[in-house]
N, C-alpha and C. Protein backbone atom coordinates (compact mmCIF):
# COMPACT_ATOMS: atom_id res chain seq x y z
N MET A 1 31.72 5.36 -5.10
CA MET A 1 30.90 6.48 -5.52
C MET A 1 29.49 6.02 -5.89
N GLY A 2 29.38 4.87 -6.54
CA GLY A 2 28.07 4.35 -6.93
C GLY A 2 27.20 4.02 -5.74
N GLU A 3 27.84 3.50 -4.67
CA GLU A 3 27.06 3.17 -3.47
C GLU A 3 26.53 4.42 -2.79
N SER A 4 27.29 5.49 -2.77
CA SER A 4 26.82 6.71 -2.12
C SER A 4 25.66 7.33 -2.89
N ILE A 5 25.70 7.24 -4.22
CA ILE A 5 24.59 7.75 -5.02
C ILE A 5 23.35 6.91 -4.79
N LEU A 6 23.51 5.60 -4.77
CA LEU A 6 22.38 4.70 -4.52
C LEU A 6 21.79 4.94 -3.14
N HIS A 7 22.63 5.11 -2.14
CA HIS A 7 22.17 5.38 -0.78
C HIS A 7 21.38 6.69 -0.73
N THR A 8 21.90 7.73 -1.35
CA THR A 8 21.24 9.04 -1.33
C THR A 8 19.90 8.99 -2.05
N VAL A 9 19.87 8.39 -3.21
CA VAL A 9 18.61 8.31 -3.97
C VAL A 9 17.59 7.46 -3.23
N THR A 10 18.02 6.40 -2.60
CA THR A 10 17.11 5.55 -1.83
C THR A 10 16.51 6.31 -0.66
N ILE A 11 17.31 7.07 0.05
CA ILE A 11 16.80 7.88 1.17
C ILE A 11 15.80 8.92 0.68
N ILE A 12 16.10 9.57 -0.44
CA ILE A 12 15.18 10.57 -0.99
C ILE A 12 13.85 9.92 -1.38
N CYS A 13 13.91 8.75 -2.00
CA CYS A 13 12.69 8.05 -2.37
C CYS A 13 11.88 7.63 -1.15
N ILE A 14 12.55 7.18 -0.10
CA ILE A 14 11.85 6.81 1.14
C ILE A 14 11.14 8.01 1.73
N VAL A 15 11.78 9.16 1.72
CA VAL A 15 11.15 10.38 2.26
C VAL A 15 9.92 10.75 1.45
N PHE A 16 10.02 10.73 0.12
CA PHE A 16 8.88 11.11 -0.71
C PHE A 16 7.73 10.11 -0.61
N ILE A 17 8.04 8.83 -0.51
CA ILE A 17 6.98 7.84 -0.34
C ILE A 17 6.31 7.99 1.02
N SER A 18 7.08 8.32 2.05
CA SER A 18 6.50 8.55 3.37
C SER A 18 5.56 9.76 3.35
N ILE A 19 5.96 10.81 2.67
CA ILE A 19 5.10 11.98 2.53
C ILE A 19 3.83 11.62 1.77
N SER A 20 3.98 10.80 0.74
CA SER A 20 2.82 10.35 -0.03
C SER A 20 1.86 9.55 0.84
N ILE A 21 2.38 8.71 1.71
CA ILE A 21 1.52 7.92 2.60
C ILE A 21 0.76 8.83 3.56
N ILE A 22 1.42 9.85 4.06
CA ILE A 22 0.75 10.80 4.97
C ILE A 22 -0.38 11.52 4.25
N ILE A 23 -0.14 11.95 3.02
CA ILE A 23 -1.18 12.63 2.23
C ILE A 23 -2.33 11.67 1.94
N LEU A 24 -2.02 10.42 1.65
CA LEU A 24 -3.07 9.44 1.39
C LEU A 24 -3.87 9.12 2.65
N LEU A 25 -3.23 9.15 3.81
CA LEU A 25 -3.97 8.96 5.06
C LEU A 25 -5.00 10.07 5.25
N TYR A 26 -4.64 11.27 4.88
CA TYR A 26 -5.60 12.38 4.93
C TYR A 26 -6.77 12.09 4.00
N ARG A 27 -6.49 11.57 2.80
CA ARG A 27 -7.56 11.26 1.84
C ARG A 27 -8.46 10.14 2.36
N VAL A 28 -7.87 9.19 3.09
CA VAL A 28 -8.69 8.11 3.66
C VAL A 28 -9.62 8.67 4.72
N LEU A 29 -9.12 9.58 5.54
CA LEU A 29 -9.94 10.12 6.62
C LEU A 29 -10.95 11.15 6.15
N LYS A 30 -10.60 11.99 5.21
CA LYS A 30 -11.46 13.08 4.77
C LYS A 30 -11.98 12.93 3.35
N GLY A 31 -11.86 11.75 2.78
CA GLY A 31 -12.26 11.55 1.39
C GLY A 31 -13.72 11.92 1.17
N PRO A 32 -14.03 12.49 0.02
CA PRO A 32 -15.43 12.90 -0.20
C PRO A 32 -16.38 11.72 -0.37
N THR A 33 -15.91 10.62 -0.95
CA THR A 33 -16.78 9.46 -1.13
C THR A 33 -16.05 8.19 -0.70
N ASN A 34 -16.81 7.13 -0.53
CA ASN A 34 -16.21 5.86 -0.14
C ASN A 34 -15.30 5.26 -1.22
N PRO A 35 -15.65 5.37 -2.51
CA PRO A 35 -14.68 4.86 -3.51
C PRO A 35 -13.35 5.61 -3.48
N ASP A 36 -13.37 6.91 -3.18
CA ASP A 36 -12.11 7.64 -3.04
C ASP A 36 -11.28 7.09 -1.88
N ARG A 37 -11.94 6.76 -0.82
CA ARG A 37 -11.25 6.18 0.34
C ARG A 37 -10.67 4.81 -0.01
N ALA A 38 -11.41 4.02 -0.78
CA ALA A 38 -10.93 2.70 -1.18
C ALA A 38 -9.69 2.81 -2.07
N VAL A 39 -9.71 3.74 -3.00
CA VAL A 39 -8.55 3.93 -3.88
C VAL A 39 -7.35 4.41 -3.07
N ALA A 40 -7.59 5.28 -2.10
CA ALA A 40 -6.49 5.77 -1.26
C ALA A 40 -5.89 4.63 -0.43
N LEU A 41 -6.73 3.75 0.10
CA LEU A 41 -6.22 2.60 0.85
C LEU A 41 -5.41 1.67 -0.05
N ASP A 42 -5.88 1.47 -1.26
CA ASP A 42 -5.14 0.63 -2.21
C ASP A 42 -3.79 1.25 -2.53
N THR A 43 -3.77 2.55 -2.70
CA THR A 43 -2.52 3.23 -3.02
C THR A 43 -1.56 3.23 -1.83
N ILE A 44 -2.10 3.29 -0.62
CA ILE A 44 -1.24 3.19 0.56
C ILE A 44 -0.56 1.82 0.58
N GLY A 45 -1.29 0.77 0.23
CA GLY A 45 -0.70 -0.56 0.19
C GLY A 45 0.42 -0.67 -0.84
N VAL A 46 0.21 -0.07 -2.00
CA VAL A 46 1.25 -0.09 -3.03
C VAL A 46 2.47 0.69 -2.55
N ASN A 47 2.23 1.82 -1.88
CA ASN A 47 3.35 2.61 -1.35
C ASN A 47 4.10 1.85 -0.26
N LEU A 48 3.38 1.07 0.56
CA LEU A 48 4.05 0.26 1.57
C LEU A 48 4.92 -0.82 0.93
N MET A 49 4.44 -1.38 -0.18
CA MET A 49 5.25 -2.36 -0.89
C MET A 49 6.52 -1.71 -1.43
N ALA A 50 6.37 -0.51 -1.97
CA ALA A 50 7.55 0.20 -2.48
C ALA A 50 8.50 0.56 -1.36
N LEU A 51 7.95 0.95 -0.22
CA LEU A 51 8.79 1.29 0.93
C LEU A 51 9.58 0.08 1.41
N CYS A 52 8.95 -1.08 1.45
CA CYS A 52 9.66 -2.30 1.83
C CYS A 52 10.74 -2.65 0.81
N GLY A 53 10.44 -2.45 -0.46
CA GLY A 53 11.45 -2.70 -1.49
C GLY A 53 12.64 -1.78 -1.36
N LEU A 54 12.39 -0.51 -1.07
CA LEU A 54 13.49 0.43 -0.88
C LEU A 54 14.30 0.11 0.37
N LEU A 55 13.61 -0.33 1.42
CA LEU A 55 14.34 -0.73 2.63
C LEU A 55 15.20 -1.97 2.37
N ALA A 56 14.70 -2.88 1.54
CA ALA A 56 15.50 -4.06 1.18
C ALA A 56 16.75 -3.66 0.41
N ILE A 57 16.60 -2.66 -0.47
CA ILE A 57 17.77 -2.17 -1.20
C ILE A 57 18.73 -1.49 -0.25
N LEU A 58 18.20 -0.69 0.66
CA LEU A 58 19.04 0.06 1.60
C LEU A 58 19.78 -0.87 2.55
N LEU A 59 19.11 -1.92 3.01
CA LEU A 59 19.71 -2.84 3.96
C LEU A 59 20.49 -3.97 3.27
N VAL A 60 20.44 -4.03 1.96
CA VAL A 60 21.11 -5.06 1.15
C VAL A 60 20.73 -6.45 1.66
N THR A 61 19.44 -6.73 1.60
CA THR A 61 18.93 -8.01 2.04
C THR A 61 17.79 -8.46 1.12
N THR A 62 17.57 -9.75 1.09
CA THR A 62 16.44 -10.29 0.34
C THR A 62 15.34 -10.81 1.27
N LYS A 63 15.51 -10.60 2.55
CA LYS A 63 14.55 -11.13 3.52
C LYS A 63 13.22 -10.39 3.49
N LEU A 64 13.19 -9.18 2.95
CA LEU A 64 11.95 -8.41 2.89
C LEU A 64 11.10 -8.76 1.68
N ASN A 65 11.59 -9.62 0.80
CA ASN A 65 10.81 -10.01 -0.38
C ASN A 65 9.54 -10.74 0.02
N ASP A 66 9.61 -11.56 1.05
CA ASP A 66 8.42 -12.26 1.54
C ASP A 66 7.40 -11.27 2.09
N VAL A 67 7.87 -10.24 2.74
CA VAL A 67 6.98 -9.21 3.29
C VAL A 67 6.28 -8.47 2.15
N ILE A 68 7.01 -8.18 1.09
CA ILE A 68 6.42 -7.49 -0.06
C ILE A 68 5.33 -8.35 -0.69
N LEU A 69 5.60 -9.65 -0.85
CA LEU A 69 4.60 -10.54 -1.41
C LEU A 69 3.38 -10.67 -0.51
N LEU A 70 3.59 -10.73 0.79
CA LEU A 70 2.48 -10.82 1.74
C LEU A 70 1.61 -9.57 1.69
N ILE A 71 2.23 -8.41 1.63
CA ILE A 71 1.47 -7.16 1.53
C ILE A 71 0.66 -7.16 0.24
N GLY A 72 1.27 -7.62 -0.86
CA GLY A 72 0.56 -7.68 -2.13
C GLY A 72 -0.66 -8.59 -2.10
N ILE A 73 -0.50 -9.75 -1.48
CA ILE A 73 -1.63 -10.70 -1.40
C ILE A 73 -2.74 -10.12 -0.53
N LEU A 74 -2.39 -9.58 0.63
CA LEU A 74 -3.40 -9.00 1.51
C LEU A 74 -4.06 -7.78 0.87
N LEU A 75 -3.29 -7.02 0.12
CA LEU A 75 -3.84 -5.86 -0.57
C LEU A 75 -4.86 -6.29 -1.61
N PHE A 76 -4.56 -7.34 -2.35
CA PHE A 76 -5.50 -7.84 -3.35
C PHE A 76 -6.80 -8.31 -2.70
N ILE A 77 -6.69 -9.09 -1.64
CA ILE A 77 -7.89 -9.58 -0.95
C ILE A 77 -8.69 -8.43 -0.36
N GLY A 78 -8.00 -7.45 0.22
CA GLY A 78 -8.69 -6.29 0.79
C GLY A 78 -9.38 -5.46 -0.28
N THR A 79 -8.76 -5.30 -1.43
CA THR A 79 -9.38 -4.54 -2.51
C THR A 79 -10.63 -5.23 -3.01
N ILE A 80 -10.58 -6.55 -3.15
CA ILE A 80 -11.77 -7.30 -3.58
C ILE A 80 -12.88 -7.16 -2.54
N ALA A 81 -12.56 -7.24 -1.26
CA ALA A 81 -13.57 -7.12 -0.20
C ALA A 81 -14.20 -5.72 -0.18
N ILE A 82 -13.37 -4.70 -0.33
CA ILE A 82 -13.90 -3.33 -0.33
C ILE A 82 -14.78 -3.09 -1.56
N ALA A 83 -14.35 -3.58 -2.71
CA ALA A 83 -15.15 -3.42 -3.92
C ALA A 83 -16.50 -4.12 -3.80
N LYS A 84 -16.50 -5.32 -3.22
CA LYS A 84 -17.75 -6.05 -3.03
C LYS A 84 -18.65 -5.33 -2.03
N PHE A 85 -18.06 -4.77 -0.98
CA PHE A 85 -18.86 -4.04 0.00
C PHE A 85 -19.46 -2.78 -0.61
N LEU A 86 -18.68 -2.07 -1.42
CA LEU A 86 -19.20 -0.86 -2.04
C LEU A 86 -20.29 -1.15 -3.06
N GLU A 87 -20.19 -2.31 -3.72
CA GLU A 87 -21.18 -2.65 -4.73
C GLU A 87 -22.47 -3.20 -4.12
N LYS A 88 -22.34 -4.14 -3.17
CA LYS A 88 -23.53 -4.82 -2.65
C LYS A 88 -23.93 -4.41 -1.24
N GLY A 89 -23.02 -3.82 -0.49
CA GLY A 89 -23.35 -3.44 0.88
C GLY A 89 -22.96 -4.49 1.91
N VAL A 90 -22.63 -5.69 1.47
CA VAL A 90 -22.18 -6.76 2.36
C VAL A 90 -20.97 -7.43 1.72
N ILE A 91 -20.18 -8.06 2.54
CA ILE A 91 -19.01 -8.77 2.02
C ILE A 91 -19.33 -10.24 1.82
N ILE A 92 -20.01 -10.84 2.78
CA ILE A 92 -20.35 -12.26 2.70
C ILE A 92 -21.86 -12.38 2.49
N ASP A 93 -22.24 -12.97 1.35
CA ASP A 93 -23.66 -13.18 1.06
C ASP A 93 -24.13 -14.45 1.75
N ARG A 94 -25.24 -14.33 2.42
CA ARG A 94 -25.81 -15.51 3.07
C ARG A 94 -27.18 -15.78 2.45
N ASN A 95 -27.27 -16.83 1.66
CA ASN A 95 -28.53 -17.22 1.06
C ASN A 95 -29.29 -18.10 2.04
N ARG A 96 -30.38 -17.58 2.54
CA ARG A 96 -31.19 -18.35 3.47
C ARG A 96 -32.51 -18.67 2.79
N ASN A 97 -32.57 -19.84 2.22
CA ASN A 97 -33.79 -20.25 1.50
C ASN A 97 -34.68 -21.10 2.34
């Protein structure tokens, strides 16, 4: 009985996170400002991490833990790059003296 409840709740969570990702994709495409788009991209990454975690629970495996960590690392680097671009207009500063 416990497994069937876990399976059902996991499927429901996957559906709601997928809907959330679709709504966030709309915000990325039609966002009013660039910071709104950056926040939506960051939230999509967090939702992808949650989706991988739920799939790992559903498939009863630990092999997706590396994928979750990789998404987290890439998400952090991407957030720093987007923040630097929004602040300065460039990602890589080239000092030519």
